[in-house]
C-alpha cells in the first residue's frame, strides 16, 4: 500500500552504513528490515547497534520476499556486480556513489532493471539539502540571469609518495572504511569518490552534460598513508572541462596530489550574477550571490530545510516515488551520467580529444517549499 513504509535491506556494514541506519529511524517512507555482509559479524554488530530485526548473509537477504528494495553500500569496485544481483533477485536497488565503475556495468544493470520492471537509484543525495535547493531556486527564478559557466575545485591531498613497497592487507575490525582499503583502486580517488557530489550538484543546478574533455594523471605509482602503502590504479589529478546541454561551460579540478589553498568548491556564473556554493559533501551552509549592484558577495537567505547530515533522504524519495509512480530525484540515469562524465574525462585524456557523451538524464525536480525535515513529497 502507498502509505506503508517500504521494507528495505542493506548490503554492506562498513563505516558509511552507520549514518544510513541512524537516519532511517527518522523517515516514515522506509524501514530497514535486514542488513547483510560477507562478514556476518559486521552485519550482526550493526543490527545490534541500531535495532535492525535481521542480520544475515547476502544470499539470504536477496532471497527474502519481504525485502522490496536494497541499499548497496559495498566497495566501489563491486557496486555493479552487487547491484546487478539485487535486480536479478527482483528488487529495486539504491547504490552508494559511484553507481558503477565501468560503463558496461551500468548498462548491464539498466538492461536487467528493464527486464525485471524495477528501479535504480543512486547517491549522493546531498543536493536535496537546503543550500542546494536554495541555489536551485535562485537560478530558476532568474536571479543570476542565464547560466553561462561554472567552476569546480577539490584540493584533497592524501598520502605521500612511497616507491617500491608492498600492498597492505585490510586491517581487522568490525567496520571497514573504504579509505583504508580500496581508495586507490580504479573507482576510487578524488574523481570517483568525491566527484559524484560535485557532478550531482551541478546536474541539479544546470542539467545534463553534453561533452567533456580533460587531462588525468597518476602523479605517483604508490602512496603512503600512515604506515600503509597503496598501489595507485586511478588518476589522482584530473583537470577537465564540461560542456552542458544548456550551453554552460564548467572548469573542473579534482586532485589528491596538492594542498588546499582555499579556492571555492563550486561557483555558478550567470549573465546577471554569480553564486558561491559550499562543499557538496554537505547539505547546508551559507550561499552567496554577487551582481552588478554588489561590491562584494552577499549572503542569500536559506529557503529550505534539510541542512544537517540527512543521508537517506534520497532513499526516502526513491521509495515514495515507487509507491506513487512518479520519477525519483536521485535517479539511476543521473548516477550513470556521472560515471559516464568521469570515464569520459579519462578517455579524453588518454585519446587527446573531446568526448561526446552517449548518456543523458533529466534534471531532478526541485523540492517543494515548506517541506519539513525527514519528510518527502508524495
Protein backbone atom coordinates (compact mmCIF):
# COMPACT_ATOMS: atom_id res chain seq x y z
CA UNK A 1 0.00 0.00 0.00
CA UNK A 2 1.17 3.54 -0.81
CA UNK A 3 1.03 4.68 2.82
CA UNK A 4 3.06 1.77 4.24
CA UNK A 5 6.86 2.04 4.69
CA UNK A 6 8.93 0.18 2.13
CA UNK A 7 10.85 -2.75 3.58
CA UNK A 8 14.49 -2.12 2.76
CA UNK A 9 17.63 -4.20 3.20
CA UNK A 10 21.22 -3.01 3.37
CA UNK A 11 24.17 -4.87 1.85
CA UNK A 12 27.41 -3.68 3.43
CA UNK A 13 28.05 -2.96 7.11
CA UNK A 14 31.07 -0.68 6.68
CA UNK A 15 31.52 2.78 8.13
CA UNK A 16 29.02 4.54 5.84
CA UNK A 17 26.20 2.20 6.93
CA UNK A 18 26.03 3.99 10.29
CA UNK A 19 24.54 7.25 9.00
CA UNK A 20 22.00 5.39 6.85
CA UNK A 21 20.90 3.27 9.80
CA UNK A 22 20.72 6.28 12.12
CA UNK A 23 18.72 8.42 9.71
CA UNK A 24 16.42 5.60 8.61
CA UNK A 25 14.80 5.81 12.04
CA UNK A 26 13.66 9.37 11.24
CA UNK A 27 11.87 8.66 7.93
CA UNK A 28 8.38 7.18 7.64
CA UNK A 29 8.89 6.22 3.97
CA UNK A 30 11.02 3.13 4.65
CA UNK A 31 12.16 0.72 7.34
CA UNK A 32 15.48 -1.13 7.45
CA UNK A 33 14.32 -4.71 7.83
CA UNK A 34 17.65 -6.51 7.37
CA UNK A 35 21.38 -5.93 6.96
CA UNK A 36 23.79 -8.31 5.25
CA UNK A 37 27.52 -8.53 4.72
CA UNK A 38 30.05 -11.12 3.56
CA UNK A 39 31.41 -10.63 7.09
CA UNK A 40 28.41 -11.80 9.10
CA UNK A 41 29.90 -10.49 12.35
CA UNK A 42 29.88 -6.98 10.90
CA UNK A 43 26.21 -7.27 9.93
CA UNK A 44 25.32 -8.66 13.35
CA UNK A 45 27.16 -5.82 15.11
CA UNK A 46 25.33 -3.17 13.08
CA UNK A 47 21.97 -4.90 13.59
CA UNK A 48 22.53 -4.95 17.33
CA UNK A 49 23.70 -1.34 17.42
CA UNK A 50 20.70 0.04 15.52
CA UNK A 51 17.95 -2.45 16.33
CA UNK A 52 17.68 -3.96 12.86
CA UNK A 53 15.47 -7.07 13.06
CA UNK A 54 17.63 -9.31 10.87
CA UNK A 55 21.36 -9.78 10.21
CA UNK A 56 22.15 -12.32 7.53
CA UNK A 57 24.21 -13.37 4.54
CA UNK A 58 23.84 -11.52 1.25
CA UNK A 59 22.21 -14.60 -0.26
CA UNK A 60 19.61 -14.75 2.49
CA UNK A 61 18.77 -11.06 2.13
CA UNK A 62 18.30 -11.39 -1.64
CA UNK A 63 16.06 -14.42 -1.13
CA UNK A 64 13.84 -12.66 1.42
CA UNK A 65 10.46 -11.99 -0.25
CA UNK A 66 9.62 -9.22 2.24
CA UNK A 67 12.55 -7.05 1.16
CA UNK A 68 11.37 -4.72 -1.61
CA UNK A 69 14.47 -2.57 -2.12
CA UNK A 70 18.16 -2.78 -1.24
CA UNK A 71 20.70 -0.09 -0.35
CA UNK A 72 24.06 -1.15 -1.81
CA UNK A 73 26.89 0.03 0.48
CA UNK A 74 29.62 -2.29 -0.77
CA UNK A 75 33.07 -1.14 -2.03
CA UNK A 76 33.07 0.83 -5.28
CA UNK A 77 34.66 -1.94 -7.31
CA UNK A 78 31.71 -4.29 -6.71
CA UNK A 79 28.84 -1.78 -6.93
CA UNK A 80 27.93 -3.03 -10.40
CA UNK A 81 28.15 -6.72 -9.52
CA UNK A 82 26.10 -6.36 -6.35
CA UNK A 83 23.59 -4.01 -7.96
CA UNK A 84 23.01 -6.46 -10.76
CA UNK A 85 22.44 -9.32 -8.31
CA UNK A 86 19.85 -7.23 -6.44
CA UNK A 87 17.94 -6.57 -9.65
CA UNK A 88 18.16 -10.22 -10.65
CA UNK A 89 16.52 -11.04 -7.31
CA UNK A 90 13.58 -8.87 -8.37
CA UNK A 91 14.29 -5.96 -6.02
CA UNK A 92 14.82 -2.24 -6.54
CA UNK A 93 18.37 -1.05 -5.86
CA UNK A 94 19.74 2.23 -4.50
CA UNK A 95 23.54 2.33 -4.67
CA UNK A 96 26.06 4.50 -2.87
CA UNK A 97 28.25 6.56 -5.18
CA UNK A 98 29.52 5.86 -7.69
CA UNK A 99 26.73 3.78 -9.23
CA UNK A 100 29.34 1.64 -11.01
CA UNK A 101 32.97 2.00 -12.02
CA UNK A 102 32.79 0.96 -15.70
CA UNK A 103 30.09 1.99 -18.16
CA UNK A 104 29.34 -1.60 -19.21
CA UNK A 105 28.43 -2.47 -15.61
CA UNK A 106 25.79 0.24 -15.61
CA UNK A 107 24.46 -0.88 -18.98
CA UNK A 108 24.00 -4.41 -17.62
CA UNK A 109 22.14 -3.06 -14.59
CA UNK A 110 19.73 -0.99 -16.69
CA UNK A 111 19.03 -3.91 -19.01
CA UNK A 112 18.19 -6.10 -16.01
CA UNK A 113 16.06 -3.37 -14.41
CA UNK A 114 14.06 -3.17 -17.64
CA UNK A 115 13.56 -6.96 -17.67
CA UNK A 116 12.50 -7.03 -14.04
CA UNK A 117 10.41 -3.86 -14.05
CA UNK A 118 12.49 -2.47 -11.18
CA UNK A 119 14.12 0.89 -10.46
CA UNK A 120 17.70 2.04 -9.93
CA UNK A 121 18.62 4.94 -7.69
CA UNK A 122 21.99 6.33 -6.72
CA UNK A 123 23.68 8.52 -4.13
CA UNK A 124 24.78 11.11 -3.28
CA UNK A 125 21.62 12.83 -2.12
CA UNK A 126 23.24 15.96 -0.68
CA UNK A 127 21.63 18.02 -3.46
CA UNK A 128 18.35 17.59 -1.52
CA UNK A 129 19.94 19.86 1.11
CA UNK A 130 18.69 23.33 1.95
CA UNK A 131 21.76 25.04 0.49
CA UNK A 132 21.41 23.34 -2.89
CA UNK A 133 17.64 23.71 -3.09
CA UNK A 134 18.06 27.43 -2.34
CA UNK A 135 20.71 27.73 -5.08
CA UNK A 136 18.37 25.96 -7.50
CA UNK A 137 15.51 28.33 -6.70
CA UNK A 138 17.79 31.36 -7.20
CA UNK A 139 18.79 30.07 -10.64
CA UNK A 140 15.25 29.01 -11.63
CA UNK A 141 13.91 32.44 -10.65
CA UNK A 142 16.46 34.13 -12.92
CA UNK A 143 18.24 35.95 -10.10
CA UNK A 144 21.64 35.43 -11.74
CA UNK A 145 20.32 35.59 -15.29
CA UNK A 146 21.17 32.90 -17.81
CA UNK A 147 23.76 30.39 -16.51
CA UNK A 148 26.83 30.62 -18.71
CA UNK A 149 29.65 28.97 -16.75
CA UNK A 150 30.68 27.11 -13.60
CA UNK A 151 33.79 26.29 -11.60
CA UNK A 152 34.53 23.15 -9.58
CA UNK A 153 37.52 22.64 -7.30
CA UNK A 154 38.63 19.93 -4.91
CA UNK A 155 42.13 20.09 -3.42
CA UNK A 156 42.19 16.94 -1.28
CA UNK A 157 45.77 15.90 -0.62
CA UNK A 158 46.07 12.31 0.61
CA UNK A 159 49.25 10.46 1.49
CA UNK A 160 52.81 10.93 0.28
CA UNK A 161 54.84 9.22 -2.46
CA UNK A 162 56.15 5.80 -1.47
CA UNK A 163 58.05 3.80 -4.11
CA UNK A 164 58.66 0.05 -4.17
CA UNK A 165 56.59 -1.11 -1.19
CA UNK A 166 54.18 -3.98 -0.78
CA UNK A 167 50.41 -3.51 -0.94
CA UNK A 168 48.76 -3.78 2.53
CA UNK A 169 46.08 -6.15 3.65
CA UNK A 170 42.86 -4.65 5.09
CA UNK A 171 43.02 -4.04 8.81
CA UNK A 172 40.85 -6.13 11.11
CA UNK A 173 37.85 -4.56 12.79
CA UNK A 174 34.07 -4.55 12.93
CA UNK A 175 33.60 -1.77 10.37
CA UNK A 176 35.89 -1.23 7.39
CA UNK A 177 36.41 2.19 5.82
CA UNK A 178 36.71 2.40 2.04
CA UNK A 179 39.56 4.87 2.57
CA UNK A 180 41.58 2.25 4.44
CA UNK A 181 41.18 -0.45 1.79
CA UNK A 182 40.18 0.46 -1.78
CA UNK A 183 40.69 4.20 -2.21
CA UNK A 184 43.48 3.96 -4.81
CA UNK A 185 41.88 1.25 -6.95
CA UNK A 186 40.20 2.27 -10.19
CA UNK A 187 36.86 3.51 -8.97
CA UNK A 188 38.47 5.47 -6.13
CA UNK A 189 40.50 8.63 -5.98
CA UNK A 190 39.04 12.13 -5.79
CA UNK A 191 37.21 11.90 -9.11
CA UNK A 192 35.22 8.72 -8.35
CA UNK A 193 34.82 9.19 -4.61
CA UNK A 194 34.03 12.90 -4.30
CA UNK A 195 33.28 13.71 -7.93
CA UNK A 196 29.68 12.43 -7.75
CA UNK A 197 28.87 15.01 -5.03
CA UNK A 198 30.05 17.79 -7.32
CA UNK A 199 28.53 16.44 -10.52
CA UNK A 200 25.16 15.66 -8.91
CA UNK A 201 25.07 19.22 -7.56
CA UNK A 202 25.91 20.62 -11.00
CA UNK A 203 23.28 18.50 -12.77
CA UNK A 204 20.73 19.54 -10.15
CA UNK A 205 21.56 23.21 -10.84
CA UNK A 206 22.30 23.19 -14.58
CA UNK A 207 21.04 19.92 -16.10
CA UNK A 208 22.95 17.23 -18.01
CA UNK A 209 26.35 17.42 -19.69
CA UNK A 210 26.81 17.08 -23.47
CA UNK A 211 30.59 16.85 -23.96
CA UNK A 212 33.77 16.54 -21.87
CA UNK A 213 37.50 16.84 -22.25
CA UNK A 214 40.42 16.90 -19.86
CA UNK A 215 43.75 15.64 -18.64
CA UNK A 216 44.12 12.93 -15.97
CA UNK A 217 47.28 11.55 -14.43
CA UNK A 218 48.62 9.29 -11.70
CA UNK A 219 51.26 11.51 -10.17
CA UNK A 220 52.82 8.71 -8.10
CA UNK A 221 52.51 4.97 -8.62
CA UNK A 222 52.35 4.25 -4.87
CA UNK A 223 51.13 6.28 -1.89
CA UNK A 224 51.94 6.05 1.81
CA UNK A 225 49.19 6.83 4.32
CA UNK A 226 50.27 6.38 7.91
CA UNK A 227 52.31 3.19 7.92
CA UNK A 228 50.46 1.64 4.97
CA UNK A 229 51.41 1.69 1.30
CA UNK A 230 48.92 1.56 -1.56
CA UNK A 231 49.43 0.89 -5.25
CA UNK A 232 47.71 3.63 -7.28
CA UNK A 233 45.44 2.39 -10.08
CA UNK A 234 43.31 5.52 -10.62
CA UNK A 235 44.21 9.03 -11.80
CA UNK A 236 44.78 11.24 -8.76
CA UNK A 237 44.96 14.62 -10.53
CA UNK A 238 42.21 15.47 -13.01
CA UNK A 239 41.61 18.74 -14.85
CA UNK A 240 38.57 18.80 -17.11
CA UNK A 241 36.01 20.84 -18.99
CA UNK A 242 32.28 20.04 -19.07
CA UNK A 243 30.03 21.43 -21.81
CA UNK A 244 26.45 21.35 -20.52
CA UNK A 245 23.46 20.78 -22.77
CA UNK A 246 22.18 24.25 -21.82
CA UNK A 247 25.38 25.85 -23.15
CA UNK A 248 27.17 26.49 -19.85
CA UNK A 249 30.87 25.57 -19.64
CA UNK A 250 32.42 24.26 -16.41
CA UNK A 251 36.09 24.07 -15.40
CA UNK A 252 36.89 21.08 -13.15
CA UNK A 253 39.91 20.42 -10.93
CA UNK A 254 39.91 17.36 -8.66
CA UNK A 255 43.12 16.22 -7.07
CA UNK A 256 44.59 14.14 -4.27
CA UNK A 257 48.05 15.50 -5.08
CA UNK A 258 48.15 19.12 -3.92
CA UNK A 259 47.44 21.04 -0.73
CA UNK A 260 44.37 23.22 -0.36
CA UNK A 261 44.77 26.98 -0.83
CA UNK A 262 41.19 27.99 -0.04
CA UNK A 263 39.61 28.11 -3.51
CA UNK A 264 35.80 27.78 -3.54
CA UNK A 265 34.32 24.34 -4.13
CA UNK A 266 31.60 25.31 -6.63
CA UNK A 267 30.66 28.58 -8.26
CA UNK A 268 27.87 29.16 -10.80
CA UNK A 269 28.16 32.16 -13.12
CA UNK A 270 25.18 33.76 -14.81
CA UNK A 271 24.70 36.64 -17.23
CA UNK A 272 23.44 38.85 -14.37
CA UNK A 273 25.22 37.49 -11.32
CA UNK A 274 27.24 34.72 -9.67
CA UNK A 275 26.71 32.18 -6.88
CA UNK A 276 29.32 30.82 -4.49
CA UNK A 277 28.30 27.40 -3.14
CA UNK A 278 29.62 25.15 -0.38
CA UNK A 279 31.37 21.77 -0.36
CA UNK A 280 28.72 19.50 -1.96
CA UNK A 281 29.54 16.78 0.55
CA UNK A 282 27.31 18.83 2.86
CA UNK A 283 23.58 19.55 2.89
CA UNK A 284 23.55 23.00 4.49
CA UNK A 285 25.73 26.07 4.59
CA UNK A 286 25.86 29.71 3.54
CA UNK A 287 25.12 30.57 -0.09
CA UNK A 288 26.42 33.85 -1.54
CA UNK A 289 25.38 35.89 -4.58
CA UNK A 290 27.01 38.83 -6.33
CA UNK A 291 25.51 41.05 -9.03
CA UNK A 292 26.49 44.34 -10.67
CA UNK A 293 24.85 46.17 -7.77
CA UNK A 294 27.08 44.49 -5.15
CA UNK A 295 30.59 45.50 -4.13
CA UNK A 296 31.19 42.02 -2.69
CA UNK A 297 29.49 38.68 -2.08
CA UNK A 298 26.11 38.99 -0.37
CA UNK A 299 24.64 36.17 1.78
CA UNK A 300 21.49 34.55 0.42
CA UNK A 301 18.84 33.59 2.95
CA UNK A 302 18.22 29.84 3.12
CA UNK A 303 14.74 28.90 1.91
CA UNK A 304 14.63 25.14 2.60
CA UNK A 305 15.08 22.51 5.30
CA UNK A 306 17.46 19.52 5.23
CA UNK A 307 20.50 21.43 6.46
CA UNK A 308 22.10 18.71 8.59
CA UNK A 309 23.56 15.37 7.52
CA UNK A 310 20.41 13.84 6.04
CA UNK A 311 21.88 10.96 4.04
CA UNK A 312 18.99 8.66 3.32
CA UNK A 313 16.60 11.35 2.09
CA UNK A 314 17.35 10.05 -1.40
CA UNK A 315 16.21 6.59 -0.29
CA UNK A 316 13.02 8.08 1.20
CA UNK A 317 12.33 9.86 -2.08
CA UNK A 318 13.16 6.66 -4.03
CA UNK A 319 10.72 4.56 -2.01
CA UNK A 320 7.99 7.22 -2.05
CA UNK A 321 8.34 7.68 -5.80
CA UNK A 322 7.99 3.94 -6.40
CA UNK A 323 4.86 3.83 -4.24
CA UNK A 324 3.32 6.82 -6.02
CA UNK A 325 4.55 6.04 -9.54
CA UNK A 326 6.49 9.28 -10.02
CA UNK A 327 10.13 9.89 -11.01
CA UNK A 328 12.65 9.71 -8.17
CA UNK A 329 15.17 12.54 -7.92
CA UNK A 330 18.40 10.65 -7.19
CA UNK A 331 17.88 8.66 -10.36
CA UNK A 332 19.93 5.82 -11.73
CA UNK A 333 20.11 7.73 -15.00
CA UNK A 334 21.79 10.68 -13.28
CA UNK A 335 24.15 8.38 -11.34
CA UNK A 336 25.13 6.64 -14.59
CA UNK A 337 25.55 10.00 -16.35
CA UNK A 338 28.07 10.95 -13.65
CA UNK A 339 30.02 7.72 -14.26
CA UNK A 340 29.96 8.50 -17.99
CA UNK A 341 31.31 12.00 -17.28
CA UNK A 342 34.19 10.62 -15.17
CA UNK A 343 35.16 7.91 -17.64
CA UNK A 344 34.70 10.39 -20.48
CA UNK A 345 37.32 12.72 -18.97
CA UNK A 346 39.69 9.77 -18.59
CA UNK A 347 39.05 8.75 -22.22
CA UNK A 348 39.60 12.32 -23.39
CA UNK A 349 42.94 12.42 -21.59
CA UNK A 350 44.07 9.06 -22.97
CA UNK A 351 42.94 9.82 -26.53
CA UNK A 352 43.62 13.55 -26.77
CA UNK A 353 40.12 14.59 -27.83
CA UNK A 354 36.69 15.81 -26.77
CA UNK A 355 34.26 13.02 -25.84
CA UNK A 356 30.60 13.35 -26.77
CA UNK A 357 28.65 11.61 -24.01
CA UNK A 358 26.26 8.83 -25.02
CA UNK A 359 24.27 9.23 -21.81
CA UNK A 360 21.99 11.96 -20.52
CA UNK A 361 19.45 12.37 -17.73
CA UNK A 362 16.62 14.57 -16.57
CA UNK A 363 17.40 17.47 -14.26
CA UNK A 364 15.98 16.44 -10.85
CA UNK A 365 12.76 18.14 -9.80
CA UNK A 366 13.31 20.70 -7.02
CA UNK A 367 11.82 20.07 -3.60
CA UNK A 368 8.64 21.98 -2.73
CA UNK A 369 8.87 24.94 -0.38
CA UNK A 370 7.81 24.26 3.19
CA UNK A 371 8.83 20.59 3.25
CA UNK A 372 9.86 19.59 6.79
CA UNK A 373 12.98 17.61 7.69
CA UNK A 374 12.60 13.83 7.46
CA UNK A 375 9.57 14.10 5.15
CA UNK A 376 9.24 13.90 1.38
CA UNK A 377 6.54 14.94 -1.06
CA UNK A 378 4.26 12.15 -2.43
